[in-house]
Amino acid sequence: MDKAKDNLSNNFSKIIKSFKDKWVAVPSDYSKVVASADTLQGVMNKIKDNNDLKVFKVIPLDMIYSPCNL
């Protein structure tokens, strides 16, 4: 992993640390959390039609997961 990606990963981990088990919406540069909620529907209601955001659930940082396409 190059140094820039490593820094992005470390910074993003710090940003989302307080959003454990929440749904979040972030911009494509992962610089901040734009919206958060307990449910996917809750965060979608907050961001409305902003399609430029990435939405996902924050899992505990010590947990391993495998994403899949549905």
C-alpha atoms as a PDB file:
ATOM      1  CA  MET A   1       0.000   0.000   0.000  1.00  0.00           C
ATOM      2  CA  ASP A   2       1.430   3.390  -0.871  1.00  0.00           C
ATOM      3  CA  LYS A   3       1.914   6.071   1.777  1.00  0.00           C
ATOM      4  CA  ALA A   4      -0.995   8.293   0.588  1.00  0.00           C
ATOM      5  CA  LYS A   5      -3.484   5.409   0.799  1.00  0.00           C
ATOM      6  CA  ASP A   6      -2.117   4.410   4.185  1.00  0.00           C
ATOM      7  CA  ASN A   7      -2.612   7.962   5.509  1.00  0.00           C
ATOM      8  CA  LEU A   8      -6.142   8.076   4.072  1.00  0.00           C
ATOM      9  CA  SER A   9      -6.964   4.783   5.759  1.00  0.00           C
ATOM     10  CA  ASN A  10      -5.589   5.916   9.126  1.00  0.00           C
ATOM     11  CA  ASN A  11      -7.362   9.278   8.973  1.00  0.00           C
ATOM     12  CA  PHE A  12     -10.652   7.709   7.917  1.00  0.00           C
ATOM     13  CA  SER A  13     -10.452   5.174  10.745  1.00  0.00           C
ATOM     14  CA  LYS A  14     -10.165   8.074  13.201  1.00  0.00           C
ATOM     15  CA  ILE A  15     -13.112   9.902  11.601  1.00  0.00           C
ATOM     16  CA  ILE A  16     -15.518   6.953  11.774  1.00  0.00           C
ATOM     17  CA  LYS A  17     -14.419   5.679  15.185  1.00  0.00           C
ATOM     18  CA  SER A  18     -17.360   7.371  16.941  1.00  0.00           C
ATOM     19  CA  PHE A  19     -19.903   5.976  14.438  1.00  0.00           C
ATOM     20  CA  LYS A  20     -19.574   2.272  15.384  1.00  0.00           C
ATOM     21  CA  ASP A  21     -22.679   0.264  14.388  1.00  0.00           C
ATOM     22  CA  LYS A  22     -24.169   3.283  12.554  1.00  0.00           C
ATOM     23  CA  TRP A  23     -24.928   3.870   8.898  1.00  0.00           C
ATOM     24  CA  VAL A  24     -22.875   6.741   7.455  1.00  0.00           C
ATOM     25  CA  ALA A  25     -22.659   8.743   4.244  1.00  0.00           C
ATOM     26  CA  VAL A  26     -19.263  10.067   3.158  1.00  0.00           C
ATOM     27  CA  PRO A  27     -17.930  11.929   0.098  1.00  0.00           C
ATOM     28  CA  SER A  28     -15.751  10.058  -2.409  1.00  0.00           C
ATOM     29  CA  ASP A  29     -12.574  11.395  -0.772  1.00  0.00           C
ATOM     30  CA  TYR A  30     -13.645   9.926   2.608  1.00  0.00           C
ATOM     31  CA  SER A  31     -12.756  13.231   4.297  1.00  0.00           C
ATOM     32  CA  LYS A  32     -15.750  13.474   6.652  1.00  0.00           C
ATOM     33  CA  VAL A  33     -19.045  11.914   7.655  1.00  0.00           C
ATOM     34  CA  VAL A  34     -21.847  13.901   6.007  1.00  0.00           C
ATOM     35  CA  ALA A  35     -24.738  12.053   7.659  1.00  0.00           C
ATOM     36  CA  SER A  36     -25.281   9.185  10.070  1.00  0.00           C
ATOM     37  CA  ALA A  37     -28.208   7.206  11.459  1.00  0.00           C
ATOM     38  CA  ASP A  38     -29.053   3.926  13.155  1.00  0.00           C
ATOM     39  CA  THR A  39     -30.705   2.612   9.980  1.00  0.00           C
ATOM     40  CA  LEU A  40     -29.990   2.720   6.270  1.00  0.00           C
ATOM     41  CA  GLN A  41     -33.362   4.387   5.699  1.00  0.00           C
ATOM     42  CA  GLY A  42     -32.488   7.038   8.277  1.00  0.00           C
ATOM     43  CA  VAL A  43     -29.248   8.020   6.556  1.00  0.00           C
ATOM     44  CA  MET A  44     -30.902   7.920   3.107  1.00  0.00           C
ATOM     45  CA  ASN A  45     -33.586  10.318   4.351  1.00  0.00           C
ATOM     46  CA  LYS A  46     -30.886  12.711   5.545  1.00  0.00           C
ATOM     47  CA  ILE A  47     -28.916  12.781   2.283  1.00  0.00           C
ATOM     48  CA  LYS A  48     -31.988  12.791  -0.008  1.00  0.00           C
ATOM     49  CA  ASP A  49     -30.869  12.969  -3.672  1.00  0.00           C
ATOM     50  CA  ASN A  50     -27.142  13.424  -3.143  1.00  0.00           C
ATOM     51  CA  ASN A  51     -25.832  10.572  -5.322  1.00  0.00           C
ATOM     52  CA  ASP A  52     -22.184  11.573  -4.908  1.00  0.00           C
ATOM     53  CA  LEU A  53     -21.954  10.044  -1.439  1.00  0.00           C
ATOM     54  CA  LYS A  54     -20.917   6.543  -0.424  1.00  0.00           C
ATOM     55  CA  VAL A  55     -23.164   4.915   2.171  1.00  0.00           C
ATOM     56  CA  PHE A  56     -22.177   2.014   4.397  1.00  0.00           C
ATOM     57  CA  LYS A  57     -22.471   0.608   7.891  1.00  0.00           C
ATOM     58  CA  VAL A  58     -19.522   1.149  10.235  1.00  0.00           C
ATOM     59  CA  ILE A  59     -18.557  -2.130  11.821  1.00  0.00           C
ATOM     60  CA  PRO A  60     -16.217  -2.470  14.802  1.00  0.00           C
ATOM     61  CA  LEU A  61     -12.645  -1.918  13.602  1.00  0.00           C
ATOM     62  CA  ASP A  62     -11.520  -5.259  15.041  1.00  0.00           C
ATOM     63  CA  MET A  63     -14.156  -7.198  13.085  1.00  0.00           C
ATOM     64  CA  ILE A  64     -13.462  -8.901   9.741  1.00  0.00           C
ATOM     65  CA  TYR A  65     -16.049  -8.786   6.978  1.00  0.00           C
ATOM     66  CA  SER A  66     -16.372  -9.699   3.344  1.00  0.00           C
ATOM     67  CA  PRO A  67     -18.446  -7.391   1.129  1.00  0.00           C
ATOM     68  CA  CYS A  68     -20.541  -8.820  -1.673  1.00  0.00           C
ATOM     69  CA  ASN A  69     -22.570  -7.472  -4.558  1.00  0.00           C
ATOM     70  CA  LEU A  70     -26.288  -8.113  -4.441  1.00  0.00           C
END
